[in-house]
Amino acid sequence: RAAINAPMQGTAADLIKLAMIAVAGWLKTERLGTRLILQVHDELVLEVPDAEIDRVRERVPALMEGVAQLSVPLKVDAGVGRNWDEAH
């Protein structure tokens, strides 16, 4: 079980790292007030000003889905809430 699971977890870790780099780069380039504040497993938690919610909610999933080309598509959902629990 461990021999099969380890490569999958490693790949998932690599994908989220690539996603973090892509999102952070975009936020910096666009000079947004949004901040990437936390990574939890396969999720990124951002603090987003109200005026940027629509823009970030549209662009971040696209950035994350585009970090790698796999034989299966990467699918990203984005939630919004006053805290992490509400965003689910």
C-alpha atoms as a PDB file:
ATOM      1  CA  ARG A   1       0.000   0.000   0.000  1.00  0.00           C
ATOM      2  CA  ALA A   2       2.746   2.458   0.923  1.00  0.00           C
ATOM      3  CA  ALA A   3       4.678   1.713  -2.258  1.00  0.00           C
ATOM      4  CA  ILE A   4       1.641   2.597  -4.363  1.00  0.00           C
ATOM      5  CA  ASN A   5       0.492   5.554  -2.277  1.00  0.00           C
ATOM      6  CA  ALA A   6       3.833   7.373  -1.955  1.00  0.00           C
ATOM      7  CA  PRO A   7       4.201   8.301  -5.648  1.00  0.00           C
ATOM      8  CA  MET A   8       0.613   9.562  -5.773  1.00  0.00           C
ATOM      9  CA  GLN A   9       1.071  11.712  -2.675  1.00  0.00           C
ATOM     10  CA  GLY A  10       4.355  13.007  -4.039  1.00  0.00           C
ATOM     11  CA  THR A  11       2.715  13.926  -7.340  1.00  0.00           C
ATOM     12  CA  ALA A  12      -0.135  15.684  -5.523  1.00  0.00           C
ATOM     13  CA  ALA A  13       2.400  17.626  -3.449  1.00  0.00           C
ATOM     14  CA  ASP A  14       4.246  18.648  -6.609  1.00  0.00           C
ATOM     15  CA  LEU A  15       0.997  19.786  -8.251  1.00  0.00           C
ATOM     16  CA  ILE A  16      -0.040  21.982  -5.314  1.00  0.00           C
ATOM     17  CA  LYS A  17       3.452  23.514  -5.194  1.00  0.00           C
ATOM     18  CA  LEU A  18       3.203  24.351  -8.900  1.00  0.00           C
ATOM     19  CA  ALA A  19      -0.264  25.802  -8.293  1.00  0.00           C
ATOM     20  CA  MET A  20       1.047  27.957  -5.448  1.00  0.00           C
ATOM     21  CA  ILE A  21       3.813  29.312  -7.681  1.00  0.00           C
ATOM     22  CA  ALA A  22       1.367  30.062 -10.502  1.00  0.00           C
ATOM     23  CA  VAL A  23      -1.158  31.785  -8.239  1.00  0.00           C
ATOM     24  CA  ALA A  24       1.467  33.788  -6.336  1.00  0.00           C
ATOM     25  CA  GLY A  25       3.057  34.902  -9.614  1.00  0.00           C
ATOM     26  CA  TRP A  26      -0.279  36.027 -11.022  1.00  0.00           C
ATOM     27  CA  LEU A  27      -1.185  37.931  -7.840  1.00  0.00           C
ATOM     28  CA  LYS A  28       2.171  39.706  -7.919  1.00  0.00           C
ATOM     29  CA  THR A  29       1.966  40.530 -11.646  1.00  0.00           C
ATOM     30  CA  GLU A  30      -1.582  41.867 -11.321  1.00  0.00           C
ATOM     31  CA  ARG A  31      -0.724  43.763  -8.109  1.00  0.00           C
ATOM     32  CA  LEU A  32      -3.890  42.581  -6.418  1.00  0.00           C
ATOM     33  CA  GLY A  33      -4.733  42.983  -2.755  1.00  0.00           C
ATOM     34  CA  THR A  34      -5.480  39.254  -2.577  1.00  0.00           C
ATOM     35  CA  ARG A  35      -3.063  37.249  -0.453  1.00  0.00           C
ATOM     36  CA  LEU A  36      -2.255  33.552  -0.584  1.00  0.00           C
ATOM     37  CA  ILE A  37      -2.237  32.753   3.117  1.00  0.00           C
ATOM     38  CA  LEU A  38      -2.383  28.990   3.540  1.00  0.00           C
ATOM     39  CA  GLN A  39      -2.077  25.629   1.845  1.00  0.00           C
ATOM     40  CA  VAL A  40      -3.995  22.705   3.334  1.00  0.00           C
ATOM     41  CA  HIS A  41      -3.382  19.396   1.564  1.00  0.00           C
ATOM     42  CA  ASP A  42      -4.738  20.038  -1.949  1.00  0.00           C
ATOM     43  CA  GLU A  43      -6.318  23.406  -1.174  1.00  0.00           C
ATOM     44  CA  LEU A  44      -5.117  26.962  -1.310  1.00  0.00           C
ATOM     45  CA  VAL A  45      -6.655  29.490   1.054  1.00  0.00           C
ATOM     46  CA  LEU A  46      -6.630  33.097  -0.061  1.00  0.00           C
ATOM     47  CA  GLU A  47      -7.680  36.309   1.632  1.00  0.00           C
ATOM     48  CA  VAL A  48      -9.531  38.273  -1.037  1.00  0.00           C
ATOM     49  CA  PRO A  49     -10.873  41.824  -0.887  1.00  0.00           C
ATOM     50  CA  ASP A  50     -14.561  41.986  -1.837  1.00  0.00           C
ATOM     51  CA  ALA A  51     -13.780  43.975  -4.983  1.00  0.00           C
ATOM     52  CA  GLU A  52     -11.517  41.170  -6.290  1.00  0.00           C
ATOM     53  CA  ILE A  53     -13.663  38.112  -5.530  1.00  0.00           C
ATOM     54  CA  ASP A  54     -15.077  37.616  -9.036  1.00  0.00           C
ATOM     55  CA  ARG A  55     -11.720  38.117 -10.743  1.00  0.00           C
ATOM     56  CA  VAL A  56      -9.873  35.773  -8.376  1.00  0.00           C
ATOM     57  CA  ARG A  57     -12.630  33.162  -8.389  1.00  0.00           C
ATOM     58  CA  GLU A  58     -12.444  33.016 -12.181  1.00  0.00           C
ATOM     59  CA  ARG A  59      -8.669  33.066 -12.651  1.00  0.00           C
ATOM     60  CA  VAL A  60      -7.274  30.980  -9.772  1.00  0.00           C
ATOM     61  CA  PRO A  61      -9.018  27.707 -10.743  1.00  0.00           C
ATOM     62  CA  ALA A  62      -7.825  28.145 -14.337  1.00  0.00           C
ATOM     63  CA  LEU A  63      -4.269  28.703 -13.146  1.00  0.00           C
ATOM     64  CA  MET A  64      -4.384  25.666 -10.883  1.00  0.00           C
ATOM     65  CA  GLU A  65      -5.922  23.420 -13.535  1.00  0.00           C
ATOM     66  CA  GLY A  66      -3.217  24.411 -15.999  1.00  0.00           C
ATOM     67  CA  VAL A  67      -0.123  23.539 -13.950  1.00  0.00           C
ATOM     68  CA  ALA A  68       0.270  20.101 -15.578  1.00  0.00           C
ATOM     69  CA  GLN A  69      -1.041  18.088 -18.470  1.00  0.00           C
ATOM     70  CA  LEU A  70      -2.106  14.660 -17.240  1.00  0.00           C
ATOM     71  CA  SER A  71      -4.068  11.810 -18.795  1.00  0.00           C
ATOM     72  CA  VAL A  72      -6.973  12.897 -16.593  1.00  0.00           C
ATOM     73  CA  PRO A  73      -8.077  16.519 -16.250  1.00  0.00           C
ATOM     74  CA  LEU A  74      -7.296  18.479 -13.126  1.00  0.00           C
ATOM     75  CA  LYS A  75     -10.527  19.921 -11.724  1.00  0.00           C
ATOM     76  CA  VAL A  76     -10.553  22.845  -9.303  1.00  0.00           C
ATOM     77  CA  ASP A  77     -13.530  24.212  -7.381  1.00  0.00           C
ATOM     78  CA  ALA A  78     -13.511  27.605  -5.710  1.00  0.00           C
ATOM     79  CA  GLY A  79     -15.570  28.515  -2.686  1.00  0.00           C
ATOM     80  CA  VAL A  80     -16.082  31.846  -0.986  1.00  0.00           C
ATOM     81  CA  GLY A  81     -16.807  32.490   2.662  1.00  0.00           C
ATOM     82  CA  ARG A  82     -15.816  34.585   5.637  1.00  0.00           C
ATOM     83  CA  ASN A  83     -13.683  31.639   6.817  1.00  0.00           C
ATOM     84  CA  TRP A  84     -12.375  28.322   5.511  1.00  0.00           C
ATOM     85  CA  ASP A  85     -15.372  26.388   6.831  1.00  0.00           C
ATOM     86  CA  GLU A  86     -17.894  28.664   5.094  1.00  0.00           C
ATOM     87  CA  ALA A  87     -15.987  28.425   1.815  1.00  0.00           C
ATOM     88  CA  HIS A  88     -16.666  24.690   1.633  1.00  0.00           C
END
